[in-house]
Amino acid sequence: MDRIDTVKVPKSLPRPAAAADVVKVLAVICSRRPPKDLPLDRVRDRVLFETAYVCGARASEVCGLYVEDLDLRLDDEHVRIHGKGGSVRTVLPDDRGYVALLKLYLTRAGYTAGPLFRASINGRGGPLSYDAAHHRWQSYCAQAGVEIDIHQLRHAHATELINAGVSIEAVRRRLGHASTTTQLYTLLDDKIADTEIRAARRRRDRATS
């Protein structure tokens, strides 16, 4: 038995959510009303899930964020994310709408320190748990009529970056991945690669005809 090679189980491809489906769920959270007119817990949920999507963070990482992890200086906004194994990375939330919503949430909640996403509506509880966030996300998905696991928000973000031409190394650093893990996302680029190959073939055929 010692001479038999170890069987390596291939990693499965991450399943990104379609951007249109993510938008549907986020719209359900706001019930098509301005965030300023929503209950605080709804605004909290919208900011929480949008943080996972815009920053490519794990839901557990987002639930563990503190107000002190935010740097909201104009045009230089960053979020400090505490990842696995005690690692820390700083992420640029490059989305003006998201930053505006985050600032609105902080203003309405009156938070200047402590957990960013709190368990109780009155803001006196501890950090919202992953299980609670997952349950609420599934409820919103059911209302939107789509099936998206909460972790697919992170996959969707990574795939969108790579499809937009962002380097593997930049995506790896943003997600806090080992390089081999991030390489999986390149396999999701097949349709784009096919399009480029077809275009090149058509150009070659025209040149030789």
N, C-alpha and C. Protein backbone atom coordinates (compact mmCIF):
# COMPACT_ATOMS: atom_id res chain seq x y z
N MET A 1 0.82 -1.21 0.00
CA MET A 1 0.00 0.00 0.00
C MET A 1 0.86 1.27 0.00
N ASP A 2 2.04 1.19 0.63
CA ASP A 2 2.91 2.36 0.68
C ASP A 2 3.39 2.77 -0.70
N ARG A 3 3.37 1.83 -1.66
CA ARG A 3 3.87 2.12 -3.00
C ARG A 3 2.80 2.75 -3.89
N ILE A 4 1.57 2.75 -3.41
CA ILE A 4 0.48 3.30 -4.21
C ILE A 4 0.45 4.81 -4.06
N ASP A 5 0.42 5.51 -5.19
CA ASP A 5 0.40 6.97 -5.16
C ASP A 5 -0.88 7.47 -4.50
N THR A 6 -0.76 8.59 -3.82
CA THR A 6 -1.93 9.21 -3.19
C THR A 6 -2.88 9.73 -4.26
N VAL A 7 -4.15 9.45 -4.09
CA VAL A 7 -5.15 9.92 -5.03
C VAL A 7 -5.45 11.38 -4.73
N LYS A 8 -5.28 12.22 -5.73
CA LYS A 8 -5.56 13.64 -5.58
C LYS A 8 -6.93 13.98 -6.15
N VAL A 9 -7.77 14.51 -5.29
CA VAL A 9 -9.11 14.89 -5.72
C VAL A 9 -9.05 16.30 -6.29
N PRO A 10 -9.40 16.49 -7.56
CA PRO A 10 -9.32 17.84 -8.15
C PRO A 10 -10.27 18.80 -7.48
N LYS A 11 -9.82 20.05 -7.35
CA LYS A 11 -10.70 21.07 -6.78
C LYS A 11 -11.81 21.38 -7.77
N SER A 12 -13.01 21.59 -7.23
CA SER A 12 -14.12 21.93 -8.11
C SER A 12 -14.05 23.41 -8.46
N LEU A 13 -14.61 23.75 -9.59
CA LEU A 13 -14.63 25.15 -10.02
C LEU A 13 -15.56 25.96 -9.11
N PRO A 14 -15.14 27.13 -8.70
CA PRO A 14 -16.05 28.00 -7.96
C PRO A 14 -17.20 28.41 -8.86
N ARG A 15 -18.37 28.54 -8.26
CA ARG A 15 -19.55 28.87 -9.05
C ARG A 15 -19.93 30.34 -8.79
N PRO A 16 -19.59 31.22 -9.71
CA PRO A 16 -19.96 32.62 -9.49
C PRO A 16 -21.43 32.84 -9.76
N ALA A 17 -22.00 33.80 -9.05
CA ALA A 17 -23.39 34.16 -9.31
C ALA A 17 -23.43 35.16 -10.46
N ALA A 18 -24.49 35.13 -11.22
CA ALA A 18 -24.67 36.10 -12.29
C ALA A 18 -24.91 37.47 -11.68
N ALA A 19 -24.29 38.49 -12.25
CA ALA A 19 -24.42 39.85 -11.72
C ALA A 19 -25.89 40.27 -11.67
N ALA A 20 -26.66 39.89 -12.68
CA ALA A 20 -28.08 40.27 -12.71
C ALA A 20 -28.85 39.67 -11.54
N ASP A 21 -28.49 38.45 -11.16
CA ASP A 21 -29.16 37.80 -10.02
C ASP A 21 -28.77 38.47 -8.71
N VAL A 22 -27.51 38.86 -8.58
CA VAL A 22 -27.08 39.56 -7.37
C VAL A 22 -27.85 40.87 -7.23
N VAL A 23 -28.00 41.59 -8.34
CA VAL A 23 -28.74 42.86 -8.32
C VAL A 23 -30.18 42.64 -7.89
N LYS A 24 -30.79 41.54 -8.34
CA LYS A 24 -32.17 41.23 -7.96
C LYS A 24 -32.31 41.08 -6.45
N VAL A 25 -31.36 40.36 -5.86
CA VAL A 25 -31.43 40.13 -4.42
C VAL A 25 -31.22 41.42 -3.65
N LEU A 26 -30.24 42.21 -4.06
CA LEU A 26 -29.98 43.48 -3.38
C LEU A 26 -31.18 44.42 -3.50
N ALA A 27 -31.86 44.37 -4.64
CA ALA A 27 -33.06 45.20 -4.83
C ALA A 27 -34.17 44.78 -3.88
N VAL A 28 -34.30 43.47 -3.66
CA VAL A 28 -35.31 42.96 -2.74
C VAL A 28 -35.06 43.47 -1.32
N ILE A 29 -33.80 43.52 -0.92
CA ILE A 29 -33.46 43.98 0.43
C ILE A 29 -33.96 45.41 0.65
N CYS A 30 -33.79 46.23 -0.36
CA CYS A 30 -34.22 47.63 -0.25
C CYS A 30 -35.69 47.83 -0.59
N SER A 31 -36.33 46.78 -1.10
CA SER A 31 -37.76 46.85 -1.43
C SER A 31 -38.08 48.04 -2.33
N ARG A 32 -37.06 48.41 -3.17
CA ARG A 32 -37.21 49.50 -4.13
C ARG A 32 -37.51 50.84 -3.46
N ARG A 33 -37.12 50.97 -2.19
CA ARG A 33 -37.28 52.23 -1.47
C ARG A 33 -35.91 52.84 -1.22
N PRO A 34 -35.81 54.16 -1.10
CA PRO A 34 -34.53 54.79 -0.77
C PRO A 34 -34.01 54.26 0.57
N PRO A 35 -32.71 53.98 0.69
CA PRO A 35 -32.17 53.45 1.95
C PRO A 35 -32.49 54.30 3.17
N LYS A 36 -32.62 55.63 2.97
CA LYS A 36 -32.91 56.51 4.12
C LYS A 36 -34.30 56.25 4.69
N ASP A 37 -35.18 55.60 3.90
CA ASP A 37 -36.54 55.33 4.35
C ASP A 37 -36.72 53.90 4.87
N LEU A 38 -35.65 53.14 4.89
CA LEU A 38 -35.72 51.74 5.29
C LEU A 38 -35.42 51.57 6.78
N PRO A 39 -35.94 50.49 7.39
CA PRO A 39 -35.53 50.16 8.77
C PRO A 39 -34.02 49.93 8.80
N LEU A 40 -33.40 50.22 9.94
CA LEU A 40 -31.95 50.13 10.04
C LEU A 40 -31.43 48.74 9.75
N ASP A 41 -32.18 47.71 10.15
CA ASP A 41 -31.69 46.35 9.91
C ASP A 41 -31.65 46.01 8.42
N ARG A 42 -32.54 46.60 7.65
CA ARG A 42 -32.51 46.39 6.19
C ARG A 42 -31.30 47.09 5.56
N VAL A 43 -31.02 48.30 6.01
CA VAL A 43 -29.85 49.02 5.51
C VAL A 43 -28.59 48.24 5.88
N ARG A 44 -28.55 47.75 7.12
CA ARG A 44 -27.41 46.94 7.56
C ARG A 44 -27.21 45.74 6.64
N ASP A 45 -28.29 45.03 6.34
CA ASP A 45 -28.18 43.84 5.49
C ASP A 45 -27.69 44.19 4.10
N ARG A 46 -28.23 45.28 3.55
CA ARG A 46 -27.81 45.68 2.21
C ARG A 46 -26.31 46.01 2.19
N VAL A 47 -25.84 46.75 3.18
CA VAL A 47 -24.43 47.11 3.24
C VAL A 47 -23.57 45.87 3.48
N LEU A 48 -24.02 44.97 4.34
CA LEU A 48 -23.26 43.76 4.64
C LEU A 48 -23.03 42.92 3.38
N PHE A 49 -24.12 42.63 2.67
CA PHE A 49 -23.99 41.76 1.50
C PHE A 49 -23.29 42.47 0.34
N GLU A 50 -23.49 43.76 0.25
CA GLU A 50 -22.80 44.50 -0.80
C GLU A 50 -21.30 44.59 -0.49
N THR A 51 -20.94 44.61 0.79
CA THR A 51 -19.52 44.58 1.16
C THR A 51 -18.87 43.28 0.70
N ALA A 52 -19.57 42.17 0.91
CA ALA A 52 -19.04 40.88 0.47
C ALA A 52 -18.85 40.86 -1.05
N TYR A 53 -19.79 41.46 -1.77
CA TYR A 53 -19.75 41.46 -3.23
C TYR A 53 -18.72 42.43 -3.78
N VAL A 54 -18.73 43.66 -3.28
CA VAL A 54 -17.84 44.70 -3.80
C VAL A 54 -16.38 44.48 -3.40
N CYS A 55 -16.18 43.92 -2.21
CA CYS A 55 -14.81 43.71 -1.71
C CYS A 55 -14.30 42.30 -1.94
N GLY A 56 -15.16 41.39 -2.41
CA GLY A 56 -14.73 40.02 -2.62
C GLY A 56 -14.35 39.33 -1.33
N ALA A 57 -15.04 39.67 -0.25
CA ALA A 57 -14.72 39.13 1.07
C ALA A 57 -15.63 37.95 1.42
N ARG A 58 -15.13 37.09 2.29
CA ARG A 58 -15.95 36.02 2.83
C ARG A 58 -17.01 36.62 3.74
N ALA A 59 -18.17 35.98 3.80
CA ALA A 59 -19.24 36.49 4.65
C ALA A 59 -18.80 36.53 6.11
N SER A 60 -18.04 35.54 6.53
CA SER A 60 -17.55 35.52 7.92
C SER A 60 -16.61 36.69 8.18
N GLU A 61 -15.81 37.06 7.17
CA GLU A 61 -14.91 38.21 7.31
C GLU A 61 -15.70 39.50 7.44
N VAL A 62 -16.76 39.61 6.66
CA VAL A 62 -17.57 40.82 6.69
C VAL A 62 -18.29 40.95 8.03
N CYS A 63 -18.81 39.85 8.54
CA CYS A 63 -19.50 39.88 9.84
C CYS A 63 -18.56 40.31 10.96
N GLY A 64 -17.27 40.06 10.78
CA GLY A 64 -16.29 40.40 11.81
C GLY A 64 -15.70 41.79 11.68
N LEU A 65 -16.17 42.59 10.73
CA LEU A 65 -15.63 43.93 10.54
C LEU A 65 -16.01 44.86 11.69
N TYR A 66 -15.08 45.77 12.01
CA TYR A 66 -15.33 46.82 13.00
C TYR A 66 -15.27 48.17 12.29
N VAL A 67 -15.91 49.16 12.89
CA VAL A 67 -15.88 50.50 12.33
C VAL A 67 -14.44 50.97 12.16
N GLU A 68 -13.59 50.54 13.09
CA GLU A 68 -12.18 50.92 13.04
C GLU A 68 -11.45 50.35 11.83
N ASP A 69 -12.06 49.37 11.16
CA ASP A 69 -11.44 48.78 9.97
C ASP A 69 -11.69 49.61 8.72
N LEU A 70 -12.47 50.66 8.84
CA LEU A 70 -12.81 51.49 7.69
C LEU A 70 -11.93 52.73 7.63
N ASP A 71 -11.51 53.06 6.43
CA ASP A 71 -10.83 54.33 6.16
C ASP A 71 -11.60 54.97 5.02
N LEU A 72 -12.40 55.98 5.34
CA LEU A 72 -13.32 56.55 4.35
C LEU A 72 -12.90 57.93 3.88
N ARG A 73 -11.58 58.15 3.81
CA ARG A 73 -11.10 59.41 3.23
C ARG A 73 -11.49 59.46 1.76
N LEU A 74 -11.97 60.62 1.32
CA LEU A 74 -12.49 60.78 -0.03
C LEU A 74 -11.48 60.34 -1.09
N ASP A 75 -11.95 59.49 -2.00
CA ASP A 75 -11.15 58.97 -3.12
C ASP A 75 -9.99 58.09 -2.69
N ASP A 76 -9.95 57.73 -1.42
CA ASP A 76 -8.91 56.81 -0.94
C ASP A 76 -9.49 55.86 0.11
N GLU A 77 -10.75 55.46 -0.11
CA GLU A 77 -11.45 54.60 0.84
C GLU A 77 -10.84 53.18 0.83
N HIS A 78 -10.69 52.61 2.01
CA HIS A 78 -10.18 51.25 2.14
C HIS A 78 -10.89 50.53 3.28
N VAL A 79 -10.94 49.22 3.15
CA VAL A 79 -11.50 48.37 4.20
C VAL A 79 -10.43 47.37 4.60
N ARG A 80 -10.14 47.30 5.89
CA ARG A 80 -9.16 46.34 6.39
C ARG A 80 -9.90 45.06 6.78
N ILE A 81 -9.54 43.97 6.12
CA ILE A 81 -10.24 42.70 6.31
C ILE A 81 -9.33 41.70 7.01
N HIS A 82 -9.86 41.10 8.06
CA HIS A 82 -9.11 40.11 8.83
C HIS A 82 -9.50 38.73 8.31
N GLY A 83 -8.53 38.06 7.67
CA GLY A 83 -8.81 36.79 7.02
C GLY A 83 -8.39 35.57 7.82
N LYS A 84 -8.26 34.47 7.12
CA LYS A 84 -7.90 33.21 7.74
C LYS A 84 -6.47 33.26 8.29
N GLY A 85 -6.27 32.53 9.39
CA GLY A 85 -4.93 32.39 9.94
C GLY A 85 -4.34 33.69 10.45
N GLY A 86 -5.18 34.64 10.81
CA GLY A 86 -4.69 35.89 11.34
C GLY A 86 -4.17 36.85 10.29
N SER A 87 -4.39 36.55 9.02
CA SER A 87 -3.92 37.43 7.95
C SER A 87 -4.80 38.68 7.88
N VAL A 88 -4.20 39.77 7.42
CA VAL A 88 -4.93 41.03 7.26
C VAL A 88 -4.62 41.58 5.87
N ARG A 89 -5.64 42.01 5.17
CA ARG A 89 -5.44 42.63 3.86
C ARG A 89 -6.29 43.89 3.79
N THR A 90 -5.87 44.83 2.99
CA THR A 90 -6.60 46.08 2.82
C THR A 90 -7.16 46.14 1.41
N VAL A 91 -8.46 46.38 1.33
CA VAL A 91 -9.17 46.31 0.05
C VAL A 91 -9.75 47.67 -0.31
N LEU A 92 -9.59 48.04 -1.55
CA LEU A 92 -10.17 49.27 -2.08
C LEU A 92 -11.60 48.98 -2.55
N PRO A 93 -12.62 49.57 -1.93
CA PRO A 93 -14.00 49.39 -2.41
C PRO A 93 -14.29 50.35 -3.54
N ASP A 94 -13.95 49.98 -4.74
CA ASP A 94 -13.99 50.88 -5.89
C ASP A 94 -15.40 50.98 -6.46
N ASP A 95 -16.31 51.52 -5.65
CA ASP A 95 -17.70 51.65 -6.06
C ASP A 95 -18.30 52.83 -5.30
N ARG A 96 -18.54 53.95 -6.00
CA ARG A 96 -19.00 55.16 -5.33
C ARG A 96 -20.37 54.97 -4.68
N GLY A 97 -21.25 54.23 -5.35
CA GLY A 97 -22.57 53.99 -4.78
C GLY A 97 -22.50 53.22 -3.48
N TYR A 98 -21.61 52.22 -3.45
CA TYR A 98 -21.45 51.43 -2.23
C TYR A 98 -20.90 52.29 -1.09
N VAL A 99 -19.90 53.11 -1.38
CA VAL A 99 -19.29 53.96 -0.35
C VAL A 99 -20.33 54.93 0.21
N ALA A 100 -21.17 55.49 -0.66
CA ALA A 100 -22.21 56.42 -0.21
C ALA A 100 -23.20 55.70 0.71
N LEU A 101 -23.55 54.46 0.35
CA LEU A 101 -24.49 53.68 1.17
C LEU A 101 -23.86 53.34 2.52
N LEU A 102 -22.59 53.00 2.51
CA LEU A 102 -21.87 52.69 3.75
C LEU A 102 -21.86 53.90 4.69
N LYS A 103 -21.60 55.07 4.14
CA LYS A 103 -21.57 56.29 4.96
C LYS A 103 -22.96 56.61 5.50
N LEU A 104 -23.98 56.39 4.68
CA LEU A 104 -25.36 56.60 5.14
C LEU A 104 -25.69 55.67 6.30
N TYR A 105 -25.28 54.43 6.16
CA TYR A 105 -25.52 53.44 7.22
C TYR A 105 -24.86 53.85 8.53
N LEU A 106 -23.61 54.28 8.46
CA LEU A 106 -22.89 54.70 9.66
C LEU A 106 -23.56 55.90 10.31
N THR A 107 -24.03 56.83 9.48
CA THR A 107 -24.71 58.02 10.00
C THR A 107 -26.02 57.65 10.69
N ARG A 108 -26.80 56.81 10.05
CA ARG A 108 -28.08 56.42 10.62
C ARG A 108 -27.91 55.60 11.89
N ALA A 109 -26.91 54.71 11.90
CA ALA A 109 -26.68 53.86 13.07
C ALA A 109 -25.99 54.63 14.19
N GLY A 110 -25.26 55.66 13.83
CA GLY A 110 -24.54 56.42 14.83
C GLY A 110 -23.30 55.72 15.34
N TYR A 111 -22.76 54.80 14.54
CA TYR A 111 -21.58 54.04 14.97
C TYR A 111 -20.31 54.84 14.73
N THR A 112 -19.50 54.93 15.74
CA THR A 112 -18.17 55.54 15.61
C THR A 112 -17.08 54.57 15.99
N ALA A 113 -17.45 53.44 16.58
CA ALA A 113 -16.49 52.40 16.98
C ALA A 113 -17.27 51.12 17.24
N GLY A 114 -16.53 50.00 17.31
CA GLY A 114 -17.17 48.73 17.60
C GLY A 114 -17.60 47.98 16.35
N PRO A 115 -18.34 46.88 16.52
CA PRO A 115 -18.77 46.05 15.38
C PRO A 115 -19.53 46.88 14.34
N LEU A 116 -19.22 46.63 13.08
CA LEU A 116 -19.88 47.36 12.00
C LEU A 116 -21.29 46.85 11.77
N PHE A 117 -21.47 45.53 11.84
CA PHE A 117 -22.78 44.91 11.61
C PHE A 117 -23.21 44.22 12.90
N ARG A 118 -24.20 44.81 13.58
CA ARG A 118 -24.57 44.33 14.90
C ARG A 118 -25.86 43.52 14.86
N ALA A 119 -25.96 42.62 15.82
CA ALA A 119 -27.03 41.64 15.80
C ALA A 119 -28.41 42.24 16.06
N SER A 120 -28.49 43.22 16.93
CA SER A 120 -29.80 43.77 17.28
C SER A 120 -30.09 45.04 16.49
N ILE A 121 -31.36 45.27 16.24
CA ILE A 121 -31.76 46.42 15.44
C ILE A 121 -31.37 47.73 16.13
N ASN A 122 -31.40 47.74 17.47
CA ASN A 122 -31.07 48.98 18.17
C ASN A 122 -29.56 49.21 18.26
N GLY A 123 -28.77 48.29 17.71
CA GLY A 123 -27.34 48.50 17.63
C GLY A 123 -26.58 48.20 18.90
N ARG A 124 -27.22 47.57 19.88
CA ARG A 124 -26.55 47.32 21.15
C ARG A 124 -25.98 45.91 21.24
N GLY A 125 -26.21 45.10 20.23
CA GLY A 125 -25.73 43.73 20.28
C GLY A 125 -24.31 43.61 19.80
N GLY A 126 -23.78 42.36 19.84
CA GLY A 126 -22.45 42.10 19.31
C GLY A 126 -22.51 41.93 17.81
N PRO A 127 -21.40 41.49 17.21
CA PRO A 127 -21.36 41.31 15.75
C PRO A 127 -22.42 40.30 15.28
N LEU A 128 -23.02 40.58 14.16
CA LEU A 128 -23.97 39.64 13.56
C LEU A 128 -23.23 38.35 13.24
N SER A 129 -23.79 37.21 13.58
CA SER A 129 -23.13 35.93 13.35
C SER A 129 -23.23 35.53 11.88
N TYR A 130 -22.31 34.66 11.46
CA TYR A 130 -22.35 34.17 10.09
C TYR A 130 -23.67 33.44 9.83
N ASP A 131 -24.11 32.61 10.79
CA ASP A 131 -25.34 31.84 10.60
C ASP A 131 -26.54 32.77 10.40
N ALA A 132 -26.58 33.85 11.17
CA ALA A 132 -27.68 34.81 11.02
C ALA A 132 -27.63 35.49 9.66
N ALA A 133 -26.42 35.88 9.23
CA ALA A 133 -26.27 36.52 7.93
C ALA A 133 -26.66 35.57 6.81
N HIS A 134 -26.23 34.32 6.93
CA HIS A 134 -26.55 33.32 5.91
C HIS A 134 -28.06 33.10 5.83
N HIS A 135 -28.71 33.02 6.97
CA HIS A 135 -30.17 32.82 7.00
C HIS A 135 -30.89 33.99 6.34
N ARG A 136 -30.46 35.20 6.64
CA ARG A 136 -31.11 36.37 6.07
C ARG A 136 -30.88 36.44 4.57
N TRP A 137 -29.68 36.08 4.12
CA TRP A 137 -29.38 36.08 2.69
C TRP A 137 -30.28 35.09 1.95
N GLN A 138 -30.43 33.90 2.50
CA GLN A 138 -31.28 32.90 1.87
C GLN A 138 -32.73 33.37 1.79
N SER A 139 -33.17 34.09 2.82
CA SER A 139 -34.54 34.61 2.81
C SER A 139 -34.72 35.63 1.70
N TYR A 140 -33.75 36.51 1.52
CA TYR A 140 -33.83 37.51 0.45
C TYR A 140 -33.77 36.83 -0.92
N CYS A 141 -32.95 35.81 -1.05
CA CYS A 141 -32.86 35.08 -2.33
C CYS A 141 -34.20 34.45 -2.68
N ALA A 142 -34.86 33.88 -1.68
CA ALA A 142 -36.16 33.26 -1.91
C ALA A 142 -37.17 34.31 -2.39
N GLN A 143 -37.13 35.49 -1.79
CA GLN A 143 -38.03 36.56 -2.21
C GLN A 143 -37.73 37.02 -3.63
N ALA A 144 -36.45 36.97 -4.02
CA ALA A 144 -36.06 37.41 -5.36
C ALA A 144 -36.26 36.31 -6.39
N GLY A 145 -36.49 35.09 -5.93
CA GLY A 145 -36.69 33.98 -6.85
C GLY A 145 -35.42 33.48 -7.52
N VAL A 146 -34.29 33.63 -6.83
CA VAL A 146 -33.01 33.15 -7.37
C VAL A 146 -32.32 32.29 -6.31
N GLU A 147 -31.42 31.44 -6.76
CA GLU A 147 -30.66 30.59 -5.85
C GLU A 147 -29.19 30.97 -5.91
N ILE A 148 -28.72 31.66 -4.90
CA ILE A 148 -27.32 32.07 -4.81
C ILE A 148 -26.84 31.78 -3.40
N ASP A 149 -25.81 30.98 -3.28
CA ASP A 149 -25.20 30.79 -1.97
C ASP A 149 -24.44 32.05 -1.60
N ILE A 150 -24.39 32.37 -0.33
CA ILE A 150 -23.75 33.61 0.10
C ILE A 150 -22.28 33.67 -0.32
N HIS A 151 -21.62 32.51 -0.41
CA HIS A 151 -20.21 32.49 -0.78
C HIS A 151 -20.01 32.80 -2.26
N GLN A 152 -21.07 32.64 -3.06
CA GLN A 152 -20.96 32.92 -4.49
C GLN A 152 -20.77 34.41 -4.78
N LEU A 153 -21.10 35.27 -3.83
CA LEU A 153 -20.85 36.70 -4.02
C LEU A 153 -19.37 36.95 -4.21
N ARG A 154 -18.56 36.28 -3.42
CA ARG A 154 -17.10 36.40 -3.51
C ARG A 154 -16.60 35.86 -4.84
N HIS A 155 -17.12 34.71 -5.25
CA HIS A 155 -16.72 34.12 -6.53
C HIS A 155 -17.10 35.04 -7.69
N ALA A 156 -18.30 35.63 -7.60
CA ALA A 156 -18.76 36.52 -8.67
C ALA A 156 -17.82 37.72 -8.80
N HIS A 157 -17.41 38.27 -7.69
CA HIS A 157 -16.51 39.41 -7.70
C HIS A 157 -15.18 39.04 -8.36
N ALA A 158 -14.62 37.90 -7.98
CA ALA A 158 -13.33 37.48 -8.54
C ALA A 158 -13.43 37.24 -10.04
N THR A 159 -14.49 36.59 -10.46
CA THR A 159 -14.66 36.29 -11.87
C THR A 159 -14.85 37.56 -12.70
N GLU A 160 -15.61 38.51 -12.18
CA GLU A 160 -15.81 39.78 -12.90
C GLU A 160 -14.48 40.52 -13.06
N LEU A 161 -13.64 40.49 -12.03
CA LEU A 161 -12.34 41.16 -12.13
C LEU A 161 -11.48 40.52 -13.20
N ILE A 162 -11.40 39.21 -13.19
CA ILE A 162 -10.57 38.50 -14.16
C ILE A 162 -11.09 38.70 -15.58
N ASN A 163 -12.40 38.64 -15.74
CA ASN A 163 -12.98 38.86 -17.07
C ASN A 163 -12.77 40.29 -17.56
N ALA A 164 -12.54 41.21 -16.61
CA ALA A 164 -12.28 42.60 -16.98
C ALA A 164 -10.80 42.85 -17.25
N GLY A 165 -9.99 41.80 -17.09
CA GLY A 165 -8.57 41.93 -17.41
C GLY A 165 -7.66 42.20 -16.22
N VAL A 166 -8.20 42.14 -14.99
CA VAL A 166 -7.36 42.33 -13.81
C VAL A 166 -6.46 41.12 -13.64
N SER A 167 -5.21 41.34 -13.28
CA SER A 167 -4.24 40.25 -13.19
C SER A 167 -4.59 39.27 -12.08
N ILE A 168 -4.16 38.03 -12.26
CA ILE A 168 -4.37 36.99 -11.26
C ILE A 168 -3.77 37.42 -9.92
N GLU A 169 -2.58 38.00 -9.96
CA GLU A 169 -1.91 38.39 -8.71
C GLU A 169 -2.72 39.45 -7.96
N ALA A 170 -3.29 40.41 -8.69
CA ALA A 170 -4.10 41.45 -8.05
C ALA A 170 -5.35 40.85 -7.41
N VAL A 171 -5.98 39.91 -8.12
CA VAL A 171 -7.17 39.25 -7.59
C VAL A 171 -6.80 38.40 -6.38
N ARG A 172 -5.67 37.73 -6.46
CA ARG A 172 -5.23 36.88 -5.35
C ARG A 172 -5.05 37.72 -4.08
N ARG A 173 -4.39 38.85 -4.22
CA ARG A 173 -4.16 39.70 -3.06
C ARG A 173 -5.47 40.26 -2.51
N ARG A 174 -6.37 40.60 -3.40
CA ARG A 174 -7.65 41.17 -2.97
C ARG A 174 -8.48 40.16 -2.20
N LEU A 175 -8.46 38.91 -2.63
CA LEU A 175 -9.27 37.89 -1.99
C LEU A 175 -8.55 37.19 -0.83
N GLY A 176 -7.24 37.43 -0.70
CA GLY A 176 -6.51 36.76 0.37
C GLY A 176 -6.33 35.29 0.09
N HIS A 177 -6.14 34.95 -1.19
CA HIS A 177 -6.02 33.56 -1.63
C HIS A 177 -4.57 33.11 -1.73
N ALA A 178 -4.39 31.81 -1.64
CA ALA A 178 -3.14 31.22 -2.13
C ALA A 178 -3.21 31.31 -3.65
N SER A 179 -2.06 31.43 -4.30
CA SER A 179 -2.04 31.63 -5.76
C SER A 179 -2.72 30.48 -6.49
N THR A 180 -2.55 29.26 -5.99
CA THR A 180 -3.14 28.10 -6.67
C THR A 180 -4.65 28.13 -6.60
N THR A 181 -5.19 28.71 -5.53
CA THR A 181 -6.65 28.81 -5.42
C THR A 181 -7.21 29.78 -6.44
N THR A 182 -6.58 30.93 -6.57
CA THR A 182 -7.07 31.93 -7.51
C THR A 182 -6.98 31.46 -8.94
N GLN A 183 -6.02 30.60 -9.26
CA GLN A 183 -5.87 30.12 -10.63
C GLN A 183 -7.13 29.43 -11.12
N LEU A 184 -7.95 28.90 -10.21
CA LEU A 184 -9.19 28.24 -10.62
C LEU A 184 -10.10 29.19 -11.39
N TYR A 185 -10.08 30.47 -11.02
CA TYR A 185 -10.98 31.42 -11.66
C TYR A 185 -10.64 31.62 -13.13
N THR A 186 -9.40 31.36 -13.51
CA THR A 186 -9.04 31.54 -14.91
C THR A 186 -9.77 30.54 -15.79
N LEU A 187 -10.17 29.42 -15.22
CA LEU A 187 -10.88 28.42 -16.00
C LEU A 187 -12.29 28.88 -16.35
N LEU A 188 -12.76 29.91 -15.66
CA LEU A 188 -14.10 30.41 -15.93
C LEU A 188 -14.10 31.40 -17.09
N ASP A 189 -12.94 31.61 -17.68
CA ASP A 189 -12.78 32.59 -18.74
C ASP A 189 -12.98 31.96 -20.13
N ASP A 190 -13.44 30.73 -20.20
CA ASP A 190 -13.49 30.00 -21.47
C ASP A 190 -14.27 30.74 -22.54
N LYS A 191 -15.42 31.32 -22.19
CA LYS A 191 -16.25 31.98 -23.20
C LYS A 191 -15.53 33.17 -23.80
N ILE A 192 -14.82 33.92 -22.95
CA ILE A 192 -14.08 35.07 -23.46
C ILE A 192 -12.95 34.60 -24.36
N ALA A 193 -12.26 33.53 -23.93
CA ALA A 193 -11.18 32.98 -24.76
C ALA A 193 -11.72 32.49 -26.09
N ASP A 194 -12.87 31.82 -26.07
CA ASP A 194 -13.48 31.33 -27.30
C ASP A 194 -13.80 32.48 -28.25
N THR A 195 -14.33 33.58 -27.70
CA THR A 195 -14.67 34.73 -28.52
C THR A 195 -13.44 35.30 -29.20
N GLU A 196 -12.34 35.41 -28.44
CA GLU A 196 -11.11 35.96 -29.01
C GLU A 196 -10.55 35.04 -30.10
N ILE A 197 -10.63 33.73 -29.85
CA ILE A 197 -10.12 32.76 -30.83
C ILE A 197 -10.95 32.81 -32.11
N ARG A 198 -12.27 32.89 -31.96
CA ARG A 198 -13.13 32.96 -33.15
C ARG A 198 -12.84 34.23 -33.95
N ALA A 199 -12.63 35.36 -33.23
CA ALA A 199 -12.33 36.61 -33.92
C ALA A 199 -11.01 36.51 -34.66
N ALA A 200 -10.01 35.87 -34.04
CA ALA A 200 -8.70 35.71 -34.69
C ALA A 200 -8.82 34.81 -35.91
N ARG A 201 -9.64 33.78 -35.80
CA ARG A 201 -9.81 32.86 -36.92
C ARG A 201 -10.50 33.54 -38.10
N ARG A 202 -11.48 34.38 -37.77
CA ARG A 202 -12.17 35.10 -38.85
C ARG A 202 -11.22 36.07 -39.56
N ARG A 203 -10.37 36.72 -38.77
CA ARG A 203 -9.38 37.63 -39.38
C ARG A 203 -8.42 36.85 -40.29
N ARG A 204 -8.01 35.67 -39.85
CA ARG A 204 -7.10 34.84 -40.65
C ARG A 204 -7.78 34.36 -41.92
N ASP A 205 -9.06 33.97 -41.78
CA ASP A 205 -9.78 33.48 -42.96
C ASP A 205 -9.95 34.59 -44.01
N ARG A 206 -10.22 35.81 -43.51
CA ARG A 206 -10.39 36.93 -44.43
C ARG A 206 -9.07 37.24 -45.13
N ALA A 207 -7.96 37.10 -44.40
CA ALA A 207 -6.64 37.40 -44.98
C ALA A 207 -6.23 36.41 -46.05
N THR A 208 -6.70 35.16 -45.90
CA THR A 208 -6.30 34.12 -46.84
C THR A 208 -7.32 33.90 -47.96
N SER A 209 -8.46 34.56 -47.87
CA SER A 209 -9.51 34.34 -48.89
C SER A 209 -9.32 35.29 -50.08
